[in-house]
């Protein structure tokens, strides 16, 4: 019984160590490099959502290109 408790504590300790490393890395990546967003509605038709209002597309927003001012004609830009 004592061995099982020690094993459980070890797994919990390893989980929290991984959690406290993974969360800041993930948040930094999503804030600085890229994130995934859903496009809904008819505002971007026919480029996005060609199926109508019920359909939604998922896009990758590249923050890195904006930081380097690498925006070209024809690119779709998302503003907050």
PDB file of N, CA and C in Angstrom:
ATOM      1  N   UNK A   1       0.818  -1.191   0.000  1.00  0.00           N
ATOM      2  CA  UNK A   1       0.000   0.000   0.000  1.00  0.00           C
ATOM      3  C   UNK A   1       0.867   1.262   0.000  1.00  0.00           C
ATOM      4  N   UNK A   2       1.918   1.268   0.814  1.00  0.00           N
ATOM      5  CA  UNK A   2       2.805   2.430   0.885  1.00  0.00           C
ATOM      6  C   UNK A   2       3.532   2.633  -0.432  1.00  0.00           C
ATOM      7  N   UNK A   3       3.880   1.523  -1.086  1.00  0.00           N
ATOM      8  CA  UNK A   3       4.574   1.622  -2.366  1.00  0.00           C
ATOM      9  C   UNK A   3       3.654   2.235  -3.426  1.00  0.00           C
ATOM     10  N   UNK A   4       2.372   1.899  -3.402  1.00  0.00           N
ATOM     11  CA  UNK A   4       1.413   2.455  -4.355  1.00  0.00           C
ATOM     12  C   UNK A   4       1.229   3.948  -4.126  1.00  0.00           C
ATOM     13  N   UNK A   5       1.218   4.374  -2.867  1.00  0.00           N
ATOM     14  CA  UNK A   5       1.082   5.800  -2.583  1.00  0.00           C
ATOM     15  C   UNK A   5       2.306   6.569  -3.063  1.00  0.00           C
ATOM     16  N   UNK A   6       3.498   5.994  -2.863  1.00  0.00           N
ATOM     17  CA  UNK A   6       4.718   6.642  -3.346  1.00  0.00           C
ATOM     18  C   UNK A   6       4.746   6.739  -4.856  1.00  0.00           C
ATOM     19  N   UNK A   7       4.250   5.701  -5.523  1.00  0.00           N
ATOM     20  CA  UNK A   7       4.190   5.710  -6.984  1.00  0.00           C
ATOM     21  C   UNK A   7       3.199   6.759  -7.467  1.00  0.00           C
ATOM     22  N   UNK A   8       2.056   6.858  -6.788  1.00  0.00           N
ATOM     23  CA  UNK A   8       1.049   7.857  -7.154  1.00  0.00           C
ATOM     24  C   UNK A   8       1.559   9.271  -6.964  1.00  0.00           C
ATOM     25  N   UNK A   9       2.259   9.503  -5.866  1.00  0.00           N
ATOM     26  CA  UNK A   9       2.830  10.832  -5.623  1.00  0.00           C
ATOM     27  C   UNK A   9       3.875  11.183  -6.667  1.00  0.00           C
ATOM     28  N   UNK A  10       4.642  10.197  -7.084  1.00  0.00           N
ATOM     29  CA  UNK A  10       5.662  10.443  -8.094  1.00  0.00           C
ATOM     30  C   UNK A  10       5.028  10.840  -9.422  1.00  0.00           C
ATOM     31  N   UNK A  11       3.937  10.152  -9.794  1.00  0.00           N
ATOM     32  CA  UNK A  11       3.245  10.497 -11.038  1.00  0.00           C
ATOM     33  C   UNK A  11       2.612  11.882 -10.962  1.00  0.00           C
ATOM     34  N   UNK A  12       2.043  12.210  -9.810  1.00  0.00           N
ATOM     35  CA  UNK A  12       1.434  13.528  -9.650  1.00  0.00           C
ATOM     36  C   UNK A  12       2.503  14.614  -9.711  1.00  0.00           C
ATOM     37  N   UNK A  13       3.637  14.368  -9.078  1.00  0.00           N
ATOM     38  CA  UNK A  13       4.734  15.334  -9.104  1.00  0.00           C
ATOM     39  C   UNK A  13       5.259  15.524 -10.528  1.00  0.00           C
ATOM     40  N   UNK A  14       5.402  14.443 -11.277  1.00  0.00           N
ATOM     41  CA  UNK A  14       5.863  14.536 -12.664  1.00  0.00           C
ATOM     42  C   UNK A  14       4.833  15.266 -13.530  1.00  0.00           C
ATOM     43  N   UNK A  15       3.543  15.028 -13.267  1.00  0.00           N
ATOM     44  CA  UNK A  15       2.493  15.711 -14.017  1.00  0.00           C
ATOM     45  C   UNK A  15       2.577  17.214 -13.811  1.00  0.00           C
ATOM     46  N   UNK A  16       2.693  17.646 -12.557  1.00  0.00           N
ATOM     47  CA  UNK A  16       2.731  19.075 -12.283  1.00  0.00           C
ATOM     48  C   UNK A  16       4.000  19.730 -12.821  1.00  0.00           C
ATOM     49  N   UNK A  17       5.124  19.027 -12.795  1.00  0.00           N
ATOM     50  CA  UNK A  17       6.348  19.571 -13.391  1.00  0.00           C
ATOM     51  C   UNK A  17       6.153  19.788 -14.891  1.00  0.00           C
ATOM     52  N   UNK A  18       5.594  18.800 -15.561  1.00  0.00           N
ATOM     53  CA  UNK A  18       5.326  18.930 -16.993  1.00  0.00           C
ATOM     54  C   UNK A  18       4.296  20.003 -17.280  1.00  0.00           C
ATOM     55  N   UNK A  19       3.286  20.111 -16.441  1.00  0.00           N
ATOM     56  CA  UNK A  19       2.234  21.110 -16.618  1.00  0.00           C
ATOM     57  C   UNK A  19       2.803  22.512 -16.517  1.00  0.00           C
ATOM     58  N   UNK A  20       3.635  22.756 -15.508  1.00  0.00           N
ATOM     59  CA  UNK A  20       4.176  24.095 -15.307  1.00  0.00           C
ATOM     60  C   UNK A  20       5.250  24.456 -16.333  1.00  0.00           C
ATOM     61  N   UNK A  21       5.720  23.514 -17.095  1.00  0.00           N
ATOM     62  CA  UNK A  21       6.622  23.805 -18.210  1.00  0.00           C
ATOM     63  C   UNK A  21       5.820  23.959 -19.501  1.00  0.00           C
ATOM     64  N   UNK A  22       4.846  23.093 -19.721  1.00  0.00           N
ATOM     65  CA  UNK A  22       4.101  23.078 -20.979  1.00  0.00           C
ATOM     66  C   UNK A  22       3.186  24.284 -21.144  1.00  0.00           C
ATOM     67  N   UNK A  23       2.556  24.733 -20.084  1.00  0.00           N
ATOM     68  CA  UNK A  23       1.607  25.848 -20.199  1.00  0.00           C
ATOM     69  C   UNK A  23       2.303  27.143 -20.635  1.00  0.00           C
ATOM     70  N   UNK A  24       3.383  27.586 -19.995  1.00  0.00           N
ATOM     71  CA  UNK A  24       4.025  28.819 -20.469  1.00  0.00           C
ATOM     72  C   UNK A  24       4.588  28.698 -21.890  1.00  0.00           C
ATOM     73  N   UNK A  25       5.109  27.525 -22.241  1.00  0.00           N
ATOM     74  CA  UNK A  25       5.630  27.332 -23.596  1.00  0.00           C
ATOM     75  C   UNK A  25       4.502  27.423 -24.607  1.00  0.00           C
ATOM     76  N   UNK A  26       3.368  26.816 -24.320  1.00  0.00           N
ATOM     77  CA  UNK A  26       2.226  26.844 -25.230  1.00  0.00           C
ATOM     78  C   UNK A  26       1.662  28.247 -25.361  1.00  0.00           C
ATOM     79  N   UNK A  27       1.517  28.944 -24.257  1.00  0.00           N
ATOM     80  CA  UNK A  27       0.979  30.310 -24.303  1.00  0.00           C
ATOM     81  C   UNK A  27       1.913  31.221 -25.093  1.00  0.00           C
ATOM     82  N   UNK A  28       3.206  31.099 -24.888  1.00  0.00           N
ATOM     83  CA  UNK A  28       4.170  31.903 -25.629  1.00  0.00           C
ATOM     84  C   UNK A  28       4.113  31.593 -27.116  1.00  0.00           C
ATOM     85  N   UNK A  29       4.019  30.320 -27.478  1.00  0.00           N
ATOM     86  CA  UNK A  29       3.924  29.938 -28.887  1.00  0.00           C
ATOM     87  C   UNK A  29       2.678  30.530 -29.524  1.00  0.00           C
ATOM     88  N   UNK A  30       1.530  30.395 -28.864  1.00  0.00           N
ATOM     89  CA  UNK A  30       0.280  30.900 -29.425  1.00  0.00           C
ATOM     90  C   UNK A  30       0.254  32.418 -29.513  1.00  0.00           C
ATOM     91  N   UNK A  31       0.971  33.092 -28.637  1.00  0.00           N
ATOM     92  CA  UNK A  31       0.998  34.545 -28.646  1.00  0.00           C
ATOM     93  C   UNK A  31       2.009  35.105 -29.635  1.00  0.00           C
ATOM     94  N   UNK A  32       3.150  34.453 -29.792  1.00  0.00           N
ATOM     95  CA  UNK A  32       4.242  35.015 -30.591  1.00  0.00           C
ATOM     96  C   UNK A  32       4.404  34.409 -31.982  1.00  0.00           C
ATOM     97  N   UNK A  33       4.082  33.128 -32.170  1.00  0.00           N
ATOM     98  CA  UNK A  33       4.385  32.449 -33.426  1.00  0.00           C
ATOM     99  C   UNK A  33       3.135  32.250 -34.278  1.00  0.00           C
ATOM    100  N   UNK A  34       2.181  31.477 -33.803  1.00  0.00           N
ATOM    101  CA  UNK A  34       0.992  31.185 -34.598  1.00  0.00           C
ATOM    102  C   UNK A  34      -0.115  30.666 -33.705  1.00  0.00           C
ATOM    103  N   UNK A  35      -1.340  30.805 -34.178  1.00  0.00           N
ATOM    104  CA  UNK A  35      -2.473  30.241 -33.469  1.00  0.00           C
ATOM    105  C   UNK A  35      -3.531  29.808 -34.482  1.00  0.00           C
ATOM    106  N   UNK A  36      -4.465  29.017 -34.033  1.00  0.00           N
ATOM    107  CA  UNK A  36      -5.529  28.501 -34.878  1.00  0.00           C
ATOM    108  C   UNK A  36      -6.799  29.270 -34.568  1.00  0.00           C
ATOM    109  N   UNK A  37      -7.528  29.669 -35.628  1.00  0.00           N
ATOM    110  CA  UNK A  37      -8.775  30.412 -35.438  1.00  0.00           C
ATOM    111  C   UNK A  37      -9.841  29.856 -36.364  1.00  0.00           C
ATOM    112  N   UNK A  38     -11.079  30.041 -35.975  1.00  0.00           N
ATOM    113  CA  UNK A  38     -12.222  29.597 -36.774  1.00  0.00           C
ATOM    114  C   UNK A  38     -12.837  30.806 -37.472  1.00  0.00           C
ATOM    115  N   UNK A  39     -13.107  30.671 -38.763  1.00  0.00           N
ATOM    116  CA  UNK A  39     -13.744  31.722 -39.544  1.00  0.00           C
ATOM    117  C   UNK A  39     -15.180  31.299 -39.787  1.00  0.00           C
ATOM    118  N   UNK A  40     -16.117  32.097 -39.288  1.00  0.00           N
ATOM    119  CA  UNK A  40     -17.537  31.801 -39.452  1.00  0.00           C
ATOM    120  C   UNK A  40     -18.215  32.987 -40.110  1.00  0.00           C
ATOM    121  N   UNK A  41     -19.276  32.731 -40.813  1.00  0.00           N
ATOM    122  CA  UNK A  41     -20.053  33.802 -41.417  1.00  0.00           C
ATOM    123  C   UNK A  41     -19.725  33.992 -42.884  1.00  0.00           C
ATOM    124  N   UNK A  42     -20.388  34.981 -43.468  1.00  0.00           N
ATOM    125  CA  UNK A  42     -20.294  35.194 -44.912  1.00  0.00           C
ATOM    126  C   UNK A  42     -19.336  36.309 -45.294  1.00  0.00           C
ATOM    127  N   UNK A  43     -18.623  36.891 -44.339  1.00  0.00           N
ATOM    128  CA  UNK A  43     -17.787  38.051 -44.642  1.00  0.00           C
ATOM    129  C   UNK A  43     -16.608  37.717 -45.549  1.00  0.00           C
ATOM    130  N   UNK A  44     -16.124  36.494 -45.537  1.00  0.00           N
ATOM    131  CA  UNK A  44     -14.953  36.123 -46.345  1.00  0.00           C
ATOM    132  C   UNK A  44     -15.318  35.224 -47.525  1.00  0.00           C
ATOM    133  N   UNK A  45     -16.588  35.097 -47.854  1.00  0.00           N
ATOM    134  CA  UNK A  45     -16.978  34.257 -48.994  1.00  0.00           C
ATOM    135  C   UNK A  45     -16.573  34.941 -50.280  1.00  0.00           C
ATOM    136  N   UNK A  46     -16.190  34.275 -51.299  1.00  0.00           N
ATOM    137  CA  UNK A  46     -16.073  32.844 -51.510  1.00  0.00           C
ATOM    138  C   UNK A  46     -14.698  32.272 -51.154  1.00  0.00           C
ATOM    139  N   UNK A  47     -13.746  33.124 -50.696  1.00  0.00           N
ATOM    140  CA  UNK A  47     -12.414  32.607 -50.357  1.00  0.00           C
ATOM    141  C   UNK A  47     -12.475  31.621 -49.197  1.00  0.00           C
ATOM    142  N   UNK A  48     -13.165  32.006 -48.142  1.00  0.00           N
ATOM    143  CA  UNK A  48     -13.366  31.139 -46.987  1.00  0.00           C
ATOM    144  C   UNK A  48     -14.863  30.921 -46.815  1.00  0.00           C
ATOM    145  N   UNK A  49     -15.229  29.787 -46.284  1.00  0.00           N
ATOM    146  CA  UNK A  49     -16.633  29.399 -46.096  1.00  0.00           C
ATOM    147  C   UNK A  49     -17.416  29.364 -47.402  1.00  0.00           C
ATOM    148  N   UNK A  50     -16.959  28.642 -48.391  1.00  0.00           N
ATOM    149  CA  UNK A  50     -17.702  28.620 -49.654  1.00  0.00           C
ATOM    150  C   UNK A  50     -19.034  27.895 -49.559  1.00  0.00           C
ATOM    151  N   UNK A  51     -19.251  27.115 -48.502  1.00  0.00           N
ATOM    152  CA  UNK A  51     -20.466  26.325 -48.376  1.00  0.00           C
ATOM    153  C   UNK A  51     -21.661  27.081 -47.848  1.00  0.00           C
ATOM    154  N   UNK A  52     -21.499  28.263 -47.356  1.00  0.00           N
ATOM    155  CA  UNK A  52     -22.615  29.012 -46.814  1.00  0.00           C
ATOM    156  C   UNK A  52     -22.404  29.381 -45.360  1.00  0.00           C
ATOM    157  N   UNK A  53     -23.441  29.883 -44.745  1.00  0.00           N
ATOM    158  CA  UNK A  53     -23.344  30.390 -43.372  1.00  0.00           C
ATOM    159  C   UNK A  53     -23.129  29.292 -42.330  1.00  0.00           C
ATOM    160  N   UNK A  54     -23.617  28.085 -42.566  1.00  0.00           N
ATOM    161  CA  UNK A  54     -23.464  27.020 -41.580  1.00  0.00           C
ATOM    162  C   UNK A  54     -22.038  26.470 -41.545  1.00  0.00           C
ATOM    163  N   UNK A  55     -21.304  26.635 -42.617  1.00  0.00           N
ATOM    164  CA  UNK A  55     -19.945  26.098 -42.687  1.00  0.00           C
ATOM    165  C   UNK A  55     -18.972  27.038 -41.975  1.00  0.00           C
ATOM    166  N   UNK A  56     -17.904  26.483 -41.447  1.00  0.00           N
ATOM    167  CA  UNK A  56     -16.845  27.293 -40.864  1.00  0.00           C
ATOM    168  C   UNK A  56     -15.508  26.688 -41.270  1.00  0.00           C
ATOM    169  N   UNK A  57     -14.550  27.551 -41.523  1.00  0.00           N
ATOM    170  CA  UNK A  57     -13.202  27.116 -41.875  1.00  0.00           C
ATOM    171  C   UNK A  57     -12.268  27.375 -40.700  1.00  0.00           C
ATOM    172  N   UNK A  58     -11.231  26.575 -40.622  1.00  0.00           N
ATOM    173  CA  UNK A  58     -10.211  26.745 -39.597  1.00  0.00           C
ATOM    174  C   UNK A  58      -8.942  27.215 -40.300  1.00  0.00           C
ATOM    175  N   UNK A  59      -8.353  28.291 -39.796  1.00  0.00           N
ATOM    176  CA  UNK A  59      -7.165  28.872 -40.417  1.00  0.00           C
ATOM    177  C   UNK A  59      -6.045  28.979 -39.392  1.00  0.00           C
ATOM    178  N   UNK A  60      -4.829  29.027 -39.881  1.00  0.00           N
ATOM    179  CA  UNK A  60      -3.648  29.234 -39.046  1.00  0.00           C
ATOM    180  C   UNK A  60      -3.232  30.691 -39.182  1.00  0.00           C
ATOM    181  N   UNK A  61      -3.242  31.412 -38.080  1.00  0.00           N
ATOM    182  CA  UNK A  61      -2.836  32.813 -38.080  1.00  0.00           C
ATOM    183  C   UNK A  61      -1.344  32.885 -37.759  1.00  0.00           C
ATOM    184  N   UNK A  62      -0.576  33.390 -38.693  1.00  0.00           N
ATOM    185  CA  UNK A  62       0.873  33.447 -38.574  1.00  0.00           C
ATOM    186  C   UNK A  62       1.285  34.806 -38.007  1.00  0.00           C
ATOM    187  N   UNK A  63       1.635  34.851 -36.720  1.00  0.00           N
ATOM    188  CA  UNK A  63       2.055  36.094 -36.091  1.00  0.00           C
ATOM    189  C   UNK A  63       3.482  36.474 -36.489  1.00  0.00           C
ATOM    190  N   UNK A  64       4.260  35.505 -36.868  1.00  0.00           N
ATOM    191  CA  UNK A  64       5.670  35.741 -37.184  1.00  0.00           C
ATOM    192  C   UNK A  64       5.834  36.641 -38.403  1.00  0.00           C
ATOM    193  N   UNK A  65       5.010  36.451 -39.432  1.00  0.00           N
ATOM    194  CA  UNK A  65       5.104  37.269 -40.641  1.00  0.00           C
ATOM    195  C   UNK A  65       4.758  38.724 -40.356  1.00  0.00           C
ATOM    196  N   UNK A  66       3.815  38.947 -39.492  1.00  0.00           N
ATOM    197  CA  UNK A  66       3.430  40.316 -39.155  1.00  0.00           C
ATOM    198  C   UNK A  66       4.551  41.028 -38.421  1.00  0.00           C
ATOM    199  N   UNK A  67       5.228  40.321 -37.538  1.00  0.00           N
ATOM    200  CA  UNK A  67       6.336  40.937 -36.797  1.00  0.00           C
ATOM    201  C   UNK A  67       7.482  41.328 -37.729  1.00  0.00           C
ATOM    202  N   UNK A  68       7.668  40.581 -38.801  1.00  0.00           N
ATOM    203  CA  UNK A  68       8.735  40.884 -39.762  1.00  0.00           C
ATOM    204  C   UNK A  68       8.243  41.736 -40.926  1.00  0.00           C
ATOM    205  N   UNK A  69       7.007  42.218 -40.874  1.00  0.00           N
ATOM    206  CA  UNK A  69       6.388  43.027 -41.927  1.00  0.00           C
ATOM    207  C   UNK A  69       6.448  42.326 -43.279  1.00  0.00           C
ATOM    208  N   UNK A  70       6.194  41.023 -43.271  1.00  0.00           N
ATOM    209  CA  UNK A  70       6.223  40.229 -44.501  1.00  0.00           C
ATOM    210  C   UNK A  70       4.793  39.992 -44.997  1.00  0.00           C
ATOM    211  N   UNK A  71       4.067  41.084 -45.228  1.00  0.00           N
ATOM    212  CA  UNK A  71       2.692  41.011 -45.707  1.00  0.00           C
ATOM    213  C   UNK A  71       2.682  41.409 -47.169  1.00  0.00           C
ATOM    214  N   UNK A  72       2.050  40.584 -47.974  1.00  0.00           N
ATOM    215  CA  UNK A  72       2.004  40.842 -49.416  1.00  0.00           C
ATOM    216  C   UNK A  72       0.577  40.998 -49.899  1.00  0.00           C
ATOM    217  N   UNK A  73       0.436  41.475 -51.098  1.00  0.00           N
ATOM    218  CA  UNK A  73      -0.874  41.616 -51.715  1.00  0.00           C
ATOM    219  C   UNK A  73      -1.522  40.248 -51.828  1.00  0.00           C
ATOM    220  N   UNK A  74      -2.779  40.141 -51.461  1.00  0.00           N
ATOM    221  CA  UNK A  74      -3.501  38.887 -51.520  1.00  0.00           C
ATOM    222  C   UNK A  74      -3.542  38.132 -50.202  1.00  0.00           C
ATOM    223  N   UNK A  75      -2.728  38.548 -49.217  1.00  0.00           N
ATOM    224  CA  UNK A  75      -2.748  37.916 -47.896  1.00  0.00           C
ATOM    225  C   UNK A  75      -4.007  38.341 -47.147  1.00  0.00           C
ATOM    226  N   UNK A  76      -4.520  37.456 -46.338  1.00  0.00           N
ATOM    227  CA  UNK A  76      -5.655  37.759 -45.482  1.00  0.00           C
ATOM    228  C   UNK A  76      -5.112  38.149 -44.117  1.00  0.00           C
ATOM    229  N   UNK A  77      -5.529  39.310 -43.622  1.00  0.00           N
ATOM    230  CA  UNK A  77      -5.033  39.833 -42.354  1.00  0.00           C
ATOM    231  C   UNK A  77      -6.188  39.843 -41.362  1.00  0.00           C
ATOM    232  N   UNK A  78      -5.924  39.372 -40.152  1.00  0.00           N
ATOM    233  CA  UNK A  78      -6.930  39.346 -39.090  1.00  0.00           C
ATOM    234  C   UNK A  78      -6.576  40.408 -38.055  1.00  0.00           C
ATOM    235  N   UNK A  79      -7.554  41.245 -37.727  1.00  0.00           N
ATOM    236  CA  UNK A  79      -7.357  42.299 -36.733  1.00  0.00           C
ATOM    237  C   UNK A  79      -8.207  42.008 -35.514  1.00  0.00           C
ATOM    238  N   UNK A  80      -7.694  42.377 -34.352  1.00  0.00           N
ATOM    239  CA  UNK A  80      -8.440  42.197 -33.114  1.00  0.00           C
ATOM    240  C   UNK A  80      -9.093  43.512 -32.747  1.00  0.00           C
TER     241      UNK A  80
END
